[in-house]
């Protein structure tokens, strides 16, 4: 791994530290800017030396310095995952550094969405709709939407918007069909908007791919829960984490699953 990718990992870990704040505060409708980081167990402010990504958790042996109560392993996991994503995306898109940075930010949002939905069965509009709007904004720099030297300036934004519209339409169709078939919500409104956001970044192919990959991952997980006796068929499972995983995969590779929409 070259030096630039290592630097990306470092900044990714810092971004992951911020994502931990977002994951905790956004569902509680708290500001993600103020106050500064506090111990999740006792609420006391955390000193900078105890807020180093991953390292502080290891040095403190997974406990808060102020109260010595255990701190969830999720915190270093998010920081490490964001670091690895940043390094991998930089290796993938480093030749287009602005888009590489934007894709790191977008995948961080997908990571936050996955964990918030896992905890609450809700996907904040600030993340899903924001993902779609920023995807449209960065579309002229998006290698997936490169029209070549003879393409018009309008093509990249149009492809991004088309991906968002198809993602929304696919999500809405799945939601309506699932409700009609199972007489209950099978695909939430947050999932629909999230799929639109994924489509804005990875186009119509990416929207379809994310839906297929998410469905596969969700089905495997659901079957495992049933076989292990950890859930019943009537139990709800959040779909956002699996949809987000499909979206992250798209930033590294688009599969030909969505070929009819190319």
Protein backbone atom coordinates (compact mmCIF):
# COMPACT_ATOMS: atom_id res chain seq x y z
CA UNK A 1 0.00 0.00 0.00
CA UNK A 2 1.47 3.40 -0.96
CA UNK A 3 1.86 6.36 1.38
CA UNK A 4 -1.18 8.22 0.02
CA UNK A 5 -3.44 5.25 0.79
CA UNK A 6 -2.04 5.08 4.34
CA UNK A 7 -2.78 8.78 4.77
CA UNK A 8 -6.30 8.09 3.48
CA UNK A 9 -6.65 5.35 6.10
CA UNK A 10 -5.61 7.80 8.82
CA UNK A 11 -8.14 10.40 7.75
CA UNK A 12 -10.70 7.63 7.32
CA UNK A 13 -10.25 6.61 10.95
CA UNK A 14 -10.84 10.22 12.03
CA UNK A 15 -13.94 10.29 9.84
CA UNK A 16 -15.05 7.07 11.51
CA UNK A 17 -14.74 8.77 14.89
CA UNK A 18 -17.12 11.45 13.65
CA UNK A 19 -19.45 8.80 12.24
CA UNK A 20 -19.72 7.32 15.73
CA UNK A 21 -21.08 10.67 16.87
CA UNK A 22 -23.55 10.72 13.97
CA UNK A 23 -24.72 7.17 14.65
CA UNK A 24 -25.37 7.94 18.30
CA UNK A 25 -26.82 11.45 18.09
CA UNK A 26 -28.74 11.71 14.82
CA UNK A 27 -31.51 9.21 15.75
CA UNK A 28 -31.88 11.12 19.04
CA UNK A 29 -32.24 14.40 17.14
CA UNK A 30 -29.14 15.84 18.81
CA UNK A 31 -26.55 18.11 17.22
CA UNK A 32 -23.61 16.23 15.71
CA UNK A 33 -21.39 19.29 16.19
CA UNK A 34 -21.93 20.35 19.79
CA UNK A 35 -21.25 19.51 22.53
CA UNK A 36 -17.88 17.84 22.01
CA UNK A 37 -17.44 14.10 22.41
CA UNK A 38 -18.62 12.65 25.72
CA UNK A 39 -18.40 9.27 27.38
CA UNK A 40 -21.42 7.24 26.23
CA UNK A 41 -21.71 5.69 29.71
CA UNK A 42 -21.36 8.61 32.15
CA UNK A 43 -21.62 11.65 29.86
CA UNK A 44 -18.36 13.32 30.89
CA UNK A 45 -16.30 15.08 28.18
CA UNK A 46 -13.60 12.94 26.59
CA UNK A 47 -10.05 14.33 26.51
CA UNK A 48 -8.32 14.37 23.11
CA UNK A 49 -5.85 11.69 24.21
CA UNK A 50 -8.76 9.35 24.92
CA UNK A 51 -10.40 10.09 21.57
CA UNK A 52 -7.75 8.71 19.23
CA UNK A 53 -9.41 6.34 16.73
CA UNK A 54 -9.06 2.67 17.67
CA UNK A 55 -5.85 3.26 19.65
CA UNK A 56 -7.52 4.91 22.66
CA UNK A 57 -10.04 2.09 22.98
CA UNK A 58 -7.23 -0.45 22.99
CA UNK A 59 -5.08 1.47 25.49
CA UNK A 60 -8.06 1.95 27.82
CA UNK A 61 -8.93 -1.74 27.41
CA UNK A 62 -12.42 -0.93 26.20
CA UNK A 63 -13.38 1.15 29.25
CA UNK A 64 -14.00 4.82 29.88
CA UNK A 65 -11.19 6.56 31.78
CA UNK A 66 -13.69 8.61 33.77
CA UNK A 67 -16.05 5.86 34.94
CA UNK A 68 -14.22 2.61 34.05
CA UNK A 69 -17.43 1.28 32.55
CA UNK A 70 -17.14 -0.86 29.39
CA UNK A 71 -17.32 0.94 26.04
CA UNK A 72 -18.85 -0.95 23.12
CA UNK A 73 -16.48 -2.53 20.62
CA UNK A 74 -18.63 -0.91 17.94
CA UNK A 75 -16.70 2.36 18.36
CA UNK A 76 -13.30 1.04 17.22
CA UNK A 77 -15.06 -1.18 14.67
CA UNK A 78 -16.62 1.84 12.95
CA UNK A 79 -13.30 3.71 13.02
CA UNK A 80 -11.39 0.73 11.60
CA UNK A 81 -14.05 0.07 8.95
CA UNK A 82 -13.98 3.72 7.84
CA UNK A 83 -10.17 3.58 7.69
CA UNK A 84 -10.16 0.45 5.53
CA UNK A 85 -12.86 1.84 3.25
CA UNK A 86 -10.91 5.07 2.82
CA UNK A 87 -7.72 3.24 1.97
CA UNK A 88 -9.46 0.90 -0.46
CA UNK A 89 -11.38 3.69 -2.19
CA UNK A 90 -8.23 5.75 -2.53
CA UNK A 91 -6.48 2.83 -4.19
CA UNK A 92 -9.49 2.45 -6.50
CA UNK A 93 -10.08 6.12 -7.39
CA UNK A 94 -6.83 7.87 -6.46
CA UNK A 95 -6.32 9.06 -10.02
CA UNK A 96 -9.42 11.22 -9.53
CA UNK A 97 -8.69 12.52 -6.01
CA UNK A 98 -11.74 14.75 -5.65
CA UNK A 99 -14.07 11.89 -6.48
CA UNK A 100 -12.02 9.57 -4.26
CA UNK A 101 -12.63 11.89 -1.33
CA UNK A 102 -16.31 12.21 -2.20
CA UNK A 103 -16.70 8.44 -2.46
CA UNK A 104 -15.07 8.01 0.96
CA UNK A 105 -17.58 10.45 2.41
CA UNK A 106 -20.47 8.66 0.67
CA UNK A 107 -19.44 5.22 1.90
CA UNK A 108 -19.13 6.64 5.40
CA UNK A 109 -22.74 7.77 5.14
CA UNK A 110 -23.73 4.26 4.04
CA UNK A 111 -21.90 2.83 7.06
CA UNK A 112 -23.77 5.20 9.37
CA UNK A 113 -27.08 4.35 7.70
CA UNK A 114 -26.45 0.63 8.17
CA UNK A 115 -25.86 0.92 11.91
CA UNK A 116 -28.62 3.45 12.57
CA UNK A 117 -31.14 1.29 10.74
CA UNK A 118 -29.85 -1.80 12.57
CA UNK A 119 -30.49 -0.08 15.90
CA UNK A 120 -33.70 1.81 15.20
CA UNK A 121 -35.34 0.48 11.98
CA UNK A 122 -35.14 4.08 10.73
CA UNK A 123 -33.01 5.75 8.06
CA UNK A 124 -32.71 9.53 8.63
CA UNK A 125 -33.68 11.64 5.63
CA UNK A 126 -30.64 13.80 6.29
CA UNK A 127 -28.48 10.85 5.23
CA UNK A 128 -30.50 9.24 2.43
CA UNK A 129 -31.68 12.43 0.71
CA UNK A 130 -28.34 14.11 1.40
CA UNK A 131 -26.60 11.17 -0.28
CA UNK A 132 -28.72 11.65 -3.40
CA UNK A 133 -28.16 15.42 -3.57
CA UNK A 134 -24.39 15.19 -3.10
CA UNK A 135 -24.22 12.37 -5.64
CA UNK A 136 -25.90 14.64 -8.18
CA UNK A 137 -23.55 17.51 -7.25
CA UNK A 138 -20.43 15.39 -7.82
CA UNK A 139 -21.75 13.65 -10.93
CA UNK A 140 -19.55 15.65 -13.37
CA UNK A 141 -16.49 14.19 -11.60
CA UNK A 142 -17.88 10.67 -11.31
CA UNK A 143 -15.92 8.16 -13.44
CA UNK A 144 -19.05 6.00 -13.73
CA UNK A 145 -20.68 8.86 -15.65
CA UNK A 146 -17.76 9.73 -17.93
CA UNK A 147 -19.23 10.47 -21.34
CA UNK A 148 -15.84 10.85 -23.04
CA UNK A 149 -14.51 13.85 -24.94
CA UNK A 150 -17.60 14.11 -27.13
CA UNK A 151 -20.21 13.97 -24.39
CA UNK A 152 -22.28 16.98 -23.37
CA UNK A 153 -21.96 18.66 -19.96
CA UNK A 154 -25.49 17.60 -19.14
CA UNK A 155 -24.94 13.84 -19.53
CA UNK A 156 -23.32 13.13 -16.16
CA UNK A 157 -26.01 14.96 -14.12
CA UNK A 158 -28.70 13.27 -16.22
CA UNK A 159 -27.23 9.81 -15.66
CA UNK A 160 -27.00 10.54 -11.93
CA UNK A 161 -30.60 11.78 -11.80
CA UNK A 162 -31.76 8.82 -13.87
CA UNK A 163 -30.04 6.46 -11.42
CA UNK A 164 -31.74 8.19 -8.49
CA UNK A 165 -35.14 8.08 -10.19
CA UNK A 166 -34.80 4.42 -11.11
CA UNK A 167 -33.60 3.59 -7.60
CA UNK A 168 -36.62 5.36 -6.15
CA UNK A 169 -38.94 3.66 -8.63
CA UNK A 170 -37.50 0.20 -7.97
CA UNK A 171 -37.75 0.74 -4.23
CA UNK A 172 -41.32 1.98 -4.46
CA UNK A 173 -42.31 -1.00 -6.64
CA UNK A 174 -40.76 -3.47 -4.20
CA UNK A 175 -42.45 -1.72 -1.28
CA UNK A 176 -45.86 -1.71 -2.95
CA UNK A 177 -45.55 -5.30 -4.17
CA UNK A 178 -44.33 -6.57 -0.81
CA UNK A 179 -47.14 -4.88 1.07
CA UNK A 180 -49.73 -6.25 -1.35
CA UNK A 181 -48.29 -9.77 -1.13
CA UNK A 182 -47.47 -10.03 2.58
CA UNK A 183 -50.01 -7.52 3.96
CA UNK A 184 -47.26 -5.73 5.87
CA UNK A 185 -44.38 -3.37 5.18
CA UNK A 186 -41.59 -5.27 3.42
CA UNK A 187 -39.53 -2.30 2.20
CA UNK A 188 -39.67 0.94 4.16
CA UNK A 189 -39.75 4.50 2.89
CA UNK A 190 -36.22 5.03 4.18
CA UNK A 191 -35.03 2.09 2.07
CA UNK A 192 -36.67 3.62 -0.99
CA UNK A 193 -34.86 6.94 -0.50
CA UNK A 194 -31.60 5.17 0.27
CA UNK A 195 -31.80 3.26 -3.01
CA UNK A 196 -32.33 6.58 -4.78
CA UNK A 197 -29.18 7.91 -3.11
CA UNK A 198 -27.18 4.89 -4.22
CA UNK A 199 -28.47 5.32 -7.76
CA UNK A 200 -27.36 8.96 -7.79
CA UNK A 201 -23.77 7.81 -7.23
CA UNK A 202 -23.62 4.58 -9.23
CA UNK A 203 -26.33 5.01 -11.85
CA UNK A 204 -29.17 2.75 -12.87
CA UNK A 205 -26.91 -0.31 -12.89
CA UNK A 206 -25.74 0.46 -9.38
CA UNK A 207 -29.27 0.94 -8.08
CA UNK A 208 -30.35 -2.43 -9.46
CA UNK A 209 -27.14 -4.13 -8.28
CA UNK A 210 -27.54 -2.77 -4.75
CA UNK A 211 -31.11 -4.04 -4.59
CA UNK A 212 -30.09 -7.52 -5.78
CA UNK A 213 -27.01 -7.75 -3.56
CA UNK A 214 -28.93 -6.41 -0.58
CA UNK A 215 -31.73 -8.91 -1.15
CA UNK A 216 -29.23 -11.78 -1.36
CA UNK A 217 -27.41 -10.75 1.82
CA UNK A 218 -30.67 -10.11 3.68
CA UNK A 219 -32.06 -13.48 2.62
CA UNK A 220 -28.95 -15.33 3.75
CA UNK A 221 -29.04 -13.56 7.11
CA UNK A 222 -32.75 -14.21 7.53
CA UNK A 223 -32.36 -17.91 6.75
CA UNK A 224 -29.50 -18.15 9.23
CA UNK A 225 -31.68 -16.57 11.94
CA UNK A 226 -34.50 -19.02 11.21
CA UNK A 227 -32.24 -22.08 11.20
CA UNK A 228 -30.55 -20.94 14.41
CA UNK A 229 -33.91 -20.39 16.08
CA UNK A 230 -33.10 -16.74 16.69
CA UNK A 231 -36.13 -15.39 14.81
CA UNK A 232 -39.54 -16.29 13.47
CA UNK A 233 -40.87 -15.71 9.97
CA UNK A 234 -43.01 -12.86 11.25
CA UNK A 235 -40.06 -11.00 12.80
CA UNK A 236 -38.92 -7.84 11.04
CA UNK A 237 -35.33 -7.50 9.84
CA UNK A 238 -33.86 -4.09 8.91
CA UNK A 239 -33.03 -4.05 5.20
CA UNK A 240 -30.96 -0.85 5.23
CA UNK A 241 -27.71 -2.51 6.36
CA UNK A 242 -27.80 -4.99 3.47
CA UNK A 243 -28.80 -2.34 0.95
CA UNK A 244 -25.97 -0.13 2.21
CA UNK A 245 -23.52 -3.04 1.86
CA UNK A 246 -24.58 -3.43 -1.75
CA UNK A 247 -24.09 0.30 -2.26
CA UNK A 248 -20.57 0.21 -0.82
CA UNK A 249 -19.70 -2.73 -3.07
CA UNK A 250 -20.80 -0.64 -6.07
CA UNK A 251 -18.11 1.94 -5.35
CA UNK A 252 -15.51 -0.75 -5.96
CA UNK A 253 -17.16 -2.73 -8.75
CA UNK A 254 -20.37 -2.62 -10.74
CA UNK A 255 -21.68 -6.07 -11.60
CA UNK A 256 -23.66 -6.83 -14.79
CA UNK A 257 -26.77 -7.58 -12.71
CA UNK A 258 -28.45 -4.40 -13.89
CA UNK A 259 -27.64 -4.88 -17.56
CA UNK A 260 -31.20 -4.32 -18.81
CA UNK A 261 -30.99 -0.73 -17.54
CA UNK A 262 -27.55 0.17 -18.93
